[in-house]
């Protein structure tokens, strides 16, 4: 995988990792409206020195349950062996389309870090209301993601984080490395901008 980083199997009793400028992450964000059939999702490959050297795109169903498969399809189409982690702008995307971060990490063979910004209290009641036919299976997927941890970025802002196949301290260090100001890491911010512009100009 390019530079030789070794990722731990769990989040406990791990040595804190010092990231280098050559580290590359795949930042992911999306843009959609509930009236859209598909979400417009962009992936941005960014180095630790903020250089961008790749993009990818996919279109999960709005309100679907295909986000994990679509992300994996995008990852395969990018076909890069030098990526060190996913950095997702949230684990529940495209209007309650949950990402299976365990499967995503396992099949891509790189860690997954999800960064989000809002509390998720009362989520189950909305899932029951909007998806009466499959709310149980959808909630099972959401619960499988695990509990998010609230943390304070070096910029002074707060965010929530959940990760797989990387220790939590190293995940926070990586998020801080890519955050210039505010609370949105640059790979996610650029991907969000790209997804929004794509939605403006294309229809799927």
C-alpha atoms as a PDB file:
ATOM      1  CA  UNK A   1       0.000   0.000   0.000  1.00  0.00           C
ATOM      2  CA  UNK A   2       2.711   2.482  -0.841  1.00  0.00           C
ATOM      3  CA  UNK A   3       4.286   3.839   2.357  1.00  0.00           C
ATOM      4  CA  UNK A   4       4.657   1.153   5.025  1.00  0.00           C
ATOM      5  CA  UNK A   5       1.993   1.806   7.646  1.00  0.00           C
ATOM      6  CA  UNK A   6       0.749  -1.110   9.745  1.00  0.00           C
ATOM      7  CA  UNK A   7      -2.748  -0.831  11.113  1.00  0.00           C
ATOM      8  CA  UNK A   8      -3.832  -2.424  14.396  1.00  0.00           C
ATOM      9  CA  UNK A   9      -6.749  -4.815  14.582  1.00  0.00           C
ATOM     10  CA  UNK A  10      -8.628  -2.946  17.298  1.00  0.00           C
ATOM     11  CA  UNK A  11      -8.757   0.317  19.206  1.00  0.00           C
ATOM     12  CA  UNK A  12      -7.141  -0.745  22.487  1.00  0.00           C
ATOM     13  CA  UNK A  13      -3.621  -0.485  23.863  1.00  0.00           C
ATOM     14  CA  UNK A  14      -2.104   0.805  20.644  1.00  0.00           C
ATOM     15  CA  UNK A  15       0.920   3.006  20.083  1.00  0.00           C
ATOM     16  CA  UNK A  16      -0.023   6.426  18.769  1.00  0.00           C
ATOM     17  CA  UNK A  17       0.931   6.757  15.101  1.00  0.00           C
ATOM     18  CA  UNK A  18       2.656   9.840  13.714  1.00  0.00           C
ATOM     19  CA  UNK A  19       1.373  10.507  10.225  1.00  0.00           C
ATOM     20  CA  UNK A  20       3.628  11.811   7.450  1.00  0.00           C
ATOM     21  CA  UNK A  21       2.880  14.181   4.571  1.00  0.00           C
ATOM     22  CA  UNK A  22       2.913  11.273   2.133  1.00  0.00           C
ATOM     23  CA  UNK A  23      -0.144   9.662   3.717  1.00  0.00           C
ATOM     24  CA  UNK A  24      -3.096   9.521   1.341  1.00  0.00           C
ATOM     25  CA  UNK A  25      -6.759   9.357   2.284  1.00  0.00           C
ATOM     26  CA  UNK A  26      -9.903   8.967   0.232  1.00  0.00           C
ATOM     27  CA  UNK A  27     -12.236  11.732   1.412  1.00  0.00           C
ATOM     28  CA  UNK A  28     -15.907  11.120   0.690  1.00  0.00           C
ATOM     29  CA  UNK A  29     -18.925  13.437   0.746  1.00  0.00           C
ATOM     30  CA  UNK A  30     -22.180  13.778  -1.128  1.00  0.00           C
ATOM     31  CA  UNK A  31     -24.899  16.138  -2.262  1.00  0.00           C
ATOM     32  CA  UNK A  32     -28.566  15.302  -2.751  1.00  0.00           C
ATOM     33  CA  UNK A  33     -32.152  16.368  -2.243  1.00  0.00           C
ATOM     34  CA  UNK A  34     -34.862  13.988  -1.085  1.00  0.00           C
ATOM     35  CA  UNK A  35     -36.595  14.510  -4.429  1.00  0.00           C
ATOM     36  CA  UNK A  36     -33.538  13.045  -6.217  1.00  0.00           C
ATOM     37  CA  UNK A  37     -33.538   9.356  -7.054  1.00  0.00           C
ATOM     38  CA  UNK A  38     -29.782   9.152  -6.557  1.00  0.00           C
ATOM     39  CA  UNK A  39     -27.247  10.927  -4.393  1.00  0.00           C
ATOM     40  CA  UNK A  40     -24.196  12.523  -5.990  1.00  0.00           C
ATOM     41  CA  UNK A  41     -21.156  11.230  -4.121  1.00  0.00           C
ATOM     42  CA  UNK A  42     -17.555  12.241  -4.748  1.00  0.00           C
ATOM     43  CA  UNK A  43     -14.306  10.739  -3.507  1.00  0.00           C
ATOM     44  CA  UNK A  44     -11.153  12.852  -3.369  1.00  0.00           C
ATOM     45  CA  UNK A  45      -7.666  11.412  -2.938  1.00  0.00           C
ATOM     46  CA  UNK A  46      -5.610  13.859  -0.881  1.00  0.00           C
ATOM     47  CA  UNK A  47      -2.094  13.669   0.512  1.00  0.00           C
ATOM     48  CA  UNK A  48      -1.046  14.892   3.908  1.00  0.00           C
ATOM     49  CA  UNK A  49       0.476  17.980   2.238  1.00  0.00           C
ATOM     50  CA  UNK A  50      -3.021  18.737   0.805  1.00  0.00           C
ATOM     51  CA  UNK A  51      -2.118  17.832  -2.766  1.00  0.00           C
ATOM     52  CA  UNK A  52      -4.987  16.222  -4.668  1.00  0.00           C
ATOM     53  CA  UNK A  53      -4.112  13.408  -7.030  1.00  0.00           C
ATOM     54  CA  UNK A  54      -7.309  11.589  -7.840  1.00  0.00           C
ATOM     55  CA  UNK A  55     -11.110  11.532  -7.868  1.00  0.00           C
ATOM     56  CA  UNK A  56     -13.934   9.034  -7.947  1.00  0.00           C
ATOM     57  CA  UNK A  57     -17.717   9.169  -8.189  1.00  0.00           C
ATOM     58  CA  UNK A  58     -20.735   7.006  -7.445  1.00  0.00           C
ATOM     59  CA  UNK A  59     -24.488   7.369  -7.062  1.00  0.00           C
ATOM     60  CA  UNK A  60     -26.164   5.592  -4.125  1.00  0.00           C
ATOM     61  CA  UNK A  61     -29.945   5.495  -4.025  1.00  0.00           C
ATOM     62  CA  UNK A  62     -31.544   8.187  -1.906  1.00  0.00           C
ATOM     63  CA  UNK A  63     -33.261   6.247   0.873  1.00  0.00           C
ATOM     64  CA  UNK A  64     -31.670   3.016  -0.367  1.00  0.00           C
ATOM     65  CA  UNK A  65     -29.416   0.475   1.315  1.00  0.00           C
ATOM     66  CA  UNK A  66     -26.673   0.284  -1.284  1.00  0.00           C
ATOM     67  CA  UNK A  67     -24.165   2.834  -0.004  1.00  0.00           C
ATOM     68  CA  UNK A  68     -21.494   0.281   0.963  1.00  0.00           C
ATOM     69  CA  UNK A  69     -21.609  -1.489  -2.385  1.00  0.00           C
ATOM     70  CA  UNK A  70     -21.464   1.806  -4.286  1.00  0.00           C
ATOM     71  CA  UNK A  71     -18.473   3.004  -2.256  1.00  0.00           C
ATOM     72  CA  UNK A  72     -16.654  -0.263  -2.919  1.00  0.00           C
ATOM     73  CA  UNK A  73     -17.416   0.021  -6.633  1.00  0.00           C
ATOM     74  CA  UNK A  74     -15.942   3.523  -6.607  1.00  0.00           C
ATOM     75  CA  UNK A  75     -12.875   2.294  -4.721  1.00  0.00           C
ATOM     76  CA  UNK A  76     -12.310  -0.491  -7.244  1.00  0.00           C
ATOM     77  CA  UNK A  77     -12.732   1.864 -10.187  1.00  0.00           C
ATOM     78  CA  UNK A  78     -10.138   4.249  -8.709  1.00  0.00           C
ATOM     79  CA  UNK A  79      -7.759   1.265  -8.525  1.00  0.00           C
ATOM     80  CA  UNK A  80      -5.173   2.835  -6.241  1.00  0.00           C
ATOM     81  CA  UNK A  81      -2.884   0.798  -4.003  1.00  0.00           C
ATOM     82  CA  UNK A  82      -1.384   3.763  -2.140  1.00  0.00           C
ATOM     83  CA  UNK A  83      -4.408   4.789  -0.056  1.00  0.00           C
ATOM     84  CA  UNK A  84      -4.071   4.569   3.713  1.00  0.00           C
ATOM     85  CA  UNK A  85      -7.614   5.300   4.942  1.00  0.00           C
ATOM     86  CA  UNK A  86     -11.147   6.260   4.058  1.00  0.00           C
ATOM     87  CA  UNK A  87     -12.347   9.562   5.518  1.00  0.00           C
ATOM     88  CA  UNK A  88     -16.143   9.680   5.260  1.00  0.00           C
ATOM     89  CA  UNK A  89     -18.329  12.695   5.872  1.00  0.00           C
ATOM     90  CA  UNK A  90     -20.768  10.608   7.907  1.00  0.00           C
ATOM     91  CA  UNK A  91     -21.678   6.918   8.094  1.00  0.00           C
ATOM     92  CA  UNK A  92     -25.386   7.334   7.312  1.00  0.00           C
ATOM     93  CA  UNK A  93     -25.671   8.968   3.912  1.00  0.00           C
ATOM     94  CA  UNK A  94     -28.188   9.472   1.108  1.00  0.00           C
ATOM     95  CA  UNK A  95     -31.143   9.863   3.493  1.00  0.00           C
ATOM     96  CA  UNK A  96     -30.741   6.922   5.921  1.00  0.00           C
ATOM     97  CA  UNK A  97     -28.614   4.783   3.606  1.00  0.00           C
ATOM     98  CA  UNK A  98     -26.163   3.348   6.187  1.00  0.00           C
ATOM     99  CA  UNK A  99     -22.553   2.455   5.385  1.00  0.00           C
ATOM    100  CA  UNK A 100     -21.305  -0.894   6.662  1.00  0.00           C
ATOM    101  CA  UNK A 101     -17.896   0.380   7.774  1.00  0.00           C
ATOM    102  CA  UNK A 102     -16.813  -3.129   8.831  1.00  0.00           C
ATOM    103  CA  UNK A 103     -17.345  -4.481   5.316  1.00  0.00           C
ATOM    104  CA  UNK A 104     -15.929  -1.330   3.728  1.00  0.00           C
ATOM    105  CA  UNK A 105     -12.686  -1.666   5.673  1.00  0.00           C
ATOM    106  CA  UNK A 106     -12.457  -5.416   5.215  1.00  0.00           C
ATOM    107  CA  UNK A 107     -12.972  -5.455   1.444  1.00  0.00           C
ATOM    108  CA  UNK A 108     -10.852  -2.384   0.700  1.00  0.00           C
ATOM    109  CA  UNK A 109      -8.189  -3.519   3.196  1.00  0.00           C
ATOM    110  CA  UNK A 110      -7.730   0.001   4.574  1.00  0.00           C
ATOM    111  CA  UNK A 111      -9.124   1.640   7.735  1.00  0.00           C
ATOM    112  CA  UNK A 112     -12.311   3.685   7.770  1.00  0.00           C
ATOM    113  CA  UNK A 113     -12.774   6.964   9.650  1.00  0.00           C
ATOM    114  CA  UNK A 114     -16.209   8.623   9.758  1.00  0.00           C
ATOM    115  CA  UNK A 115     -16.479  12.244  10.806  1.00  0.00           C
ATOM    116  CA  UNK A 116     -19.852  13.839  11.568  1.00  0.00           C
ATOM    117  CA  UNK A 117     -21.114  16.928  13.314  1.00  0.00           C
ATOM    118  CA  UNK A 118     -24.653  16.568  14.646  1.00  0.00           C
ATOM    119  CA  UNK A 119     -26.178  14.492  17.472  1.00  0.00           C
ATOM    120  CA  UNK A 120     -28.257  11.534  16.285  1.00  0.00           C
ATOM    121  CA  UNK A 121     -30.783  11.255  19.111  1.00  0.00           C
ATOM    122  CA  UNK A 122     -34.185   9.894  18.133  1.00  0.00           C
ATOM    123  CA  UNK A 123     -32.935   8.371  14.901  1.00  0.00           C
ATOM    124  CA  UNK A 124     -34.965   5.195  15.271  1.00  0.00           C
ATOM    125  CA  UNK A 125     -38.311   6.975  15.305  1.00  0.00           C
ATOM    126  CA  UNK A 126     -37.565   8.590  11.942  1.00  0.00           C
ATOM    127  CA  UNK A 127     -36.390   5.323  10.427  1.00  0.00           C
ATOM    128  CA  UNK A 128     -39.628   3.653  11.573  1.00  0.00           C
ATOM    129  CA  UNK A 129     -41.682   6.499  10.125  1.00  0.00           C
ATOM    130  CA  UNK A 130     -39.960   6.770   6.746  1.00  0.00           C
ATOM    131  CA  UNK A 131     -39.161   3.094   6.127  1.00  0.00           C
ATOM    132  CA  UNK A 132     -41.930   0.964   7.677  1.00  0.00           C
ATOM    133  CA  UNK A 133     -41.178  -1.999   5.395  1.00  0.00           C
ATOM    134  CA  UNK A 134     -37.535  -2.494   6.340  1.00  0.00           C
ATOM    135  CA  UNK A 135     -36.860  -0.292   9.341  1.00  0.00           C
ATOM    136  CA  UNK A 136     -35.573  -3.191  11.461  1.00  0.00           C
ATOM    137  CA  UNK A 137     -32.884  -4.273   9.001  1.00  0.00           C
ATOM    138  CA  UNK A 138     -31.955  -0.651   8.401  1.00  0.00           C
ATOM    139  CA  UNK A 139     -31.611   0.003  12.138  1.00  0.00           C
ATOM    140  CA  UNK A 140     -29.549  -3.176  12.524  1.00  0.00           C
ATOM    141  CA  UNK A 141     -27.092  -1.753  10.001  1.00  0.00           C
ATOM    142  CA  UNK A 142     -27.041   1.611  11.751  1.00  0.00           C
ATOM    143  CA  UNK A 143     -26.419   0.023  15.156  1.00  0.00           C
ATOM    144  CA  UNK A 144     -23.656  -2.089  13.671  1.00  0.00           C
ATOM    145  CA  UNK A 145     -21.724   1.093  12.894  1.00  0.00           C
ATOM    146  CA  UNK A 146     -21.146   1.548  16.616  1.00  0.00           C
ATOM    147  CA  UNK A 147     -21.092   4.506  18.969  1.00  0.00           C
ATOM    148  CA  UNK A 148     -19.507   7.745  17.845  1.00  0.00           C
ATOM    149  CA  UNK A 149     -17.054   9.550  20.086  1.00  0.00           C
ATOM    150  CA  UNK A 150     -17.230  13.305  20.507  1.00  0.00           C
ATOM    151  CA  UNK A 151     -13.850  15.002  20.373  1.00  0.00           C
ATOM    152  CA  UNK A 152     -12.298  18.441  20.131  1.00  0.00           C
ATOM    153  CA  UNK A 153     -10.190  19.198  17.098  1.00  0.00           C
ATOM    154  CA  UNK A 154      -6.946  21.139  17.332  1.00  0.00           C
ATOM    155  CA  UNK A 155      -8.844  23.959  15.597  1.00  0.00           C
ATOM    156  CA  UNK A 156     -11.037  24.249  18.701  1.00  0.00           C
ATOM    157  CA  UNK A 157     -14.187  22.908  17.056  1.00  0.00           C
ATOM    158  CA  UNK A 158     -15.998  19.723  18.066  1.00  0.00           C
ATOM    159  CA  UNK A 159     -16.941  16.754  15.925  1.00  0.00           C
ATOM    160  CA  UNK A 160     -17.953  13.098  16.255  1.00  0.00           C
ATOM    161  CA  UNK A 161     -15.791  10.221  15.073  1.00  0.00           C
ATOM    162  CA  UNK A 162     -16.120   6.477  14.647  1.00  0.00           C
ATOM    163  CA  UNK A 163     -13.507   4.269  13.019  1.00  0.00           C
ATOM    164  CA  UNK A 164     -12.620   0.700  12.087  1.00  0.00           C
ATOM    165  CA  UNK A 165      -9.251  -1.062  11.894  1.00  0.00           C
ATOM    166  CA  UNK A 166      -7.357   1.915  13.255  1.00  0.00           C
ATOM    167  CA  UNK A 167      -6.901   2.993  16.870  1.00  0.00           C
ATOM    168  CA  UNK A 168      -8.960   6.023  17.891  1.00  0.00           C
ATOM    169  CA  UNK A 169      -5.966   8.192  18.787  1.00  0.00           C
ATOM    170  CA  UNK A 170      -4.335   7.708  15.395  1.00  0.00           C
ATOM    171  CA  UNK A 171      -7.677   8.362  13.703  1.00  0.00           C
ATOM    172  CA  UNK A 172      -8.002  11.673  15.558  1.00  0.00           C
ATOM    173  CA  UNK A 173      -4.418  12.581  14.633  1.00  0.00           C
ATOM    174  CA  UNK A 174      -5.199  11.912  10.972  1.00  0.00           C
ATOM    175  CA  UNK A 175      -8.343  14.058  11.096  1.00  0.00           C
ATOM    176  CA  UNK A 176      -6.372  16.877  12.717  1.00  0.00           C
ATOM    177  CA  UNK A 177      -3.625  16.582  10.099  1.00  0.00           C
ATOM    178  CA  UNK A 178      -6.156  17.208   7.343  1.00  0.00           C
ATOM    179  CA  UNK A 179      -8.124  19.977   9.093  1.00  0.00           C
ATOM    180  CA  UNK A 180      -6.841  23.470   8.302  1.00  0.00           C
ATOM    181  CA  UNK A 181      -9.560  25.398  10.119  1.00  0.00           C
ATOM    182  CA  UNK A 182     -13.103  24.865  11.298  1.00  0.00           C
ATOM    183  CA  UNK A 183     -14.216  21.285  11.827  1.00  0.00           C
ATOM    184  CA  UNK A 184     -14.355  19.769   8.328  1.00  0.00           C
ATOM    185  CA  UNK A 185     -11.204  17.947   7.129  1.00  0.00           C
ATOM    186  CA  UNK A 186     -10.036  19.143   3.718  1.00  0.00           C
ATOM    187  CA  UNK A 187     -10.602  15.828   1.879  1.00  0.00           C
ATOM    188  CA  UNK A 188     -14.244  15.852   2.994  1.00  0.00           C
ATOM    189  CA  UNK A 189     -14.667  19.577   2.299  1.00  0.00           C
ATOM    190  CA  UNK A 190     -13.302  19.274  -1.243  1.00  0.00           C
ATOM    191  CA  UNK A 191     -15.375  16.152  -1.899  1.00  0.00           C
ATOM    192  CA  UNK A 192     -18.490  17.976  -0.659  1.00  0.00           C
ATOM    193  CA  UNK A 193     -17.825  20.883  -3.028  1.00  0.00           C
ATOM    194  CA  UNK A 194     -17.207  18.548  -5.939  1.00  0.00           C
ATOM    195  CA  UNK A 195     -20.367  16.538  -5.218  1.00  0.00           C
ATOM    196  CA  UNK A 196     -22.480  19.702  -5.021  1.00  0.00           C
ATOM    197  CA  UNK A 197     -21.136  20.998  -8.341  1.00  0.00           C
ATOM    198  CA  UNK A 198     -21.727  17.607  -9.946  1.00  0.00           C
ATOM    199  CA  UNK A 199     -25.347  17.618  -8.813  1.00  0.00           C
ATOM    200  CA  UNK A 200     -25.831  21.067 -10.350  1.00  0.00           C
ATOM    201  CA  UNK A 201     -24.690  20.005 -13.791  1.00  0.00           C
ATOM    202  CA  UNK A 202     -25.646  16.353 -14.156  1.00  0.00           C
ATOM    203  CA  UNK A 203     -28.791  14.310 -13.686  1.00  0.00           C
ATOM    204  CA  UNK A 204     -28.806  10.591 -12.881  1.00  0.00           C
END
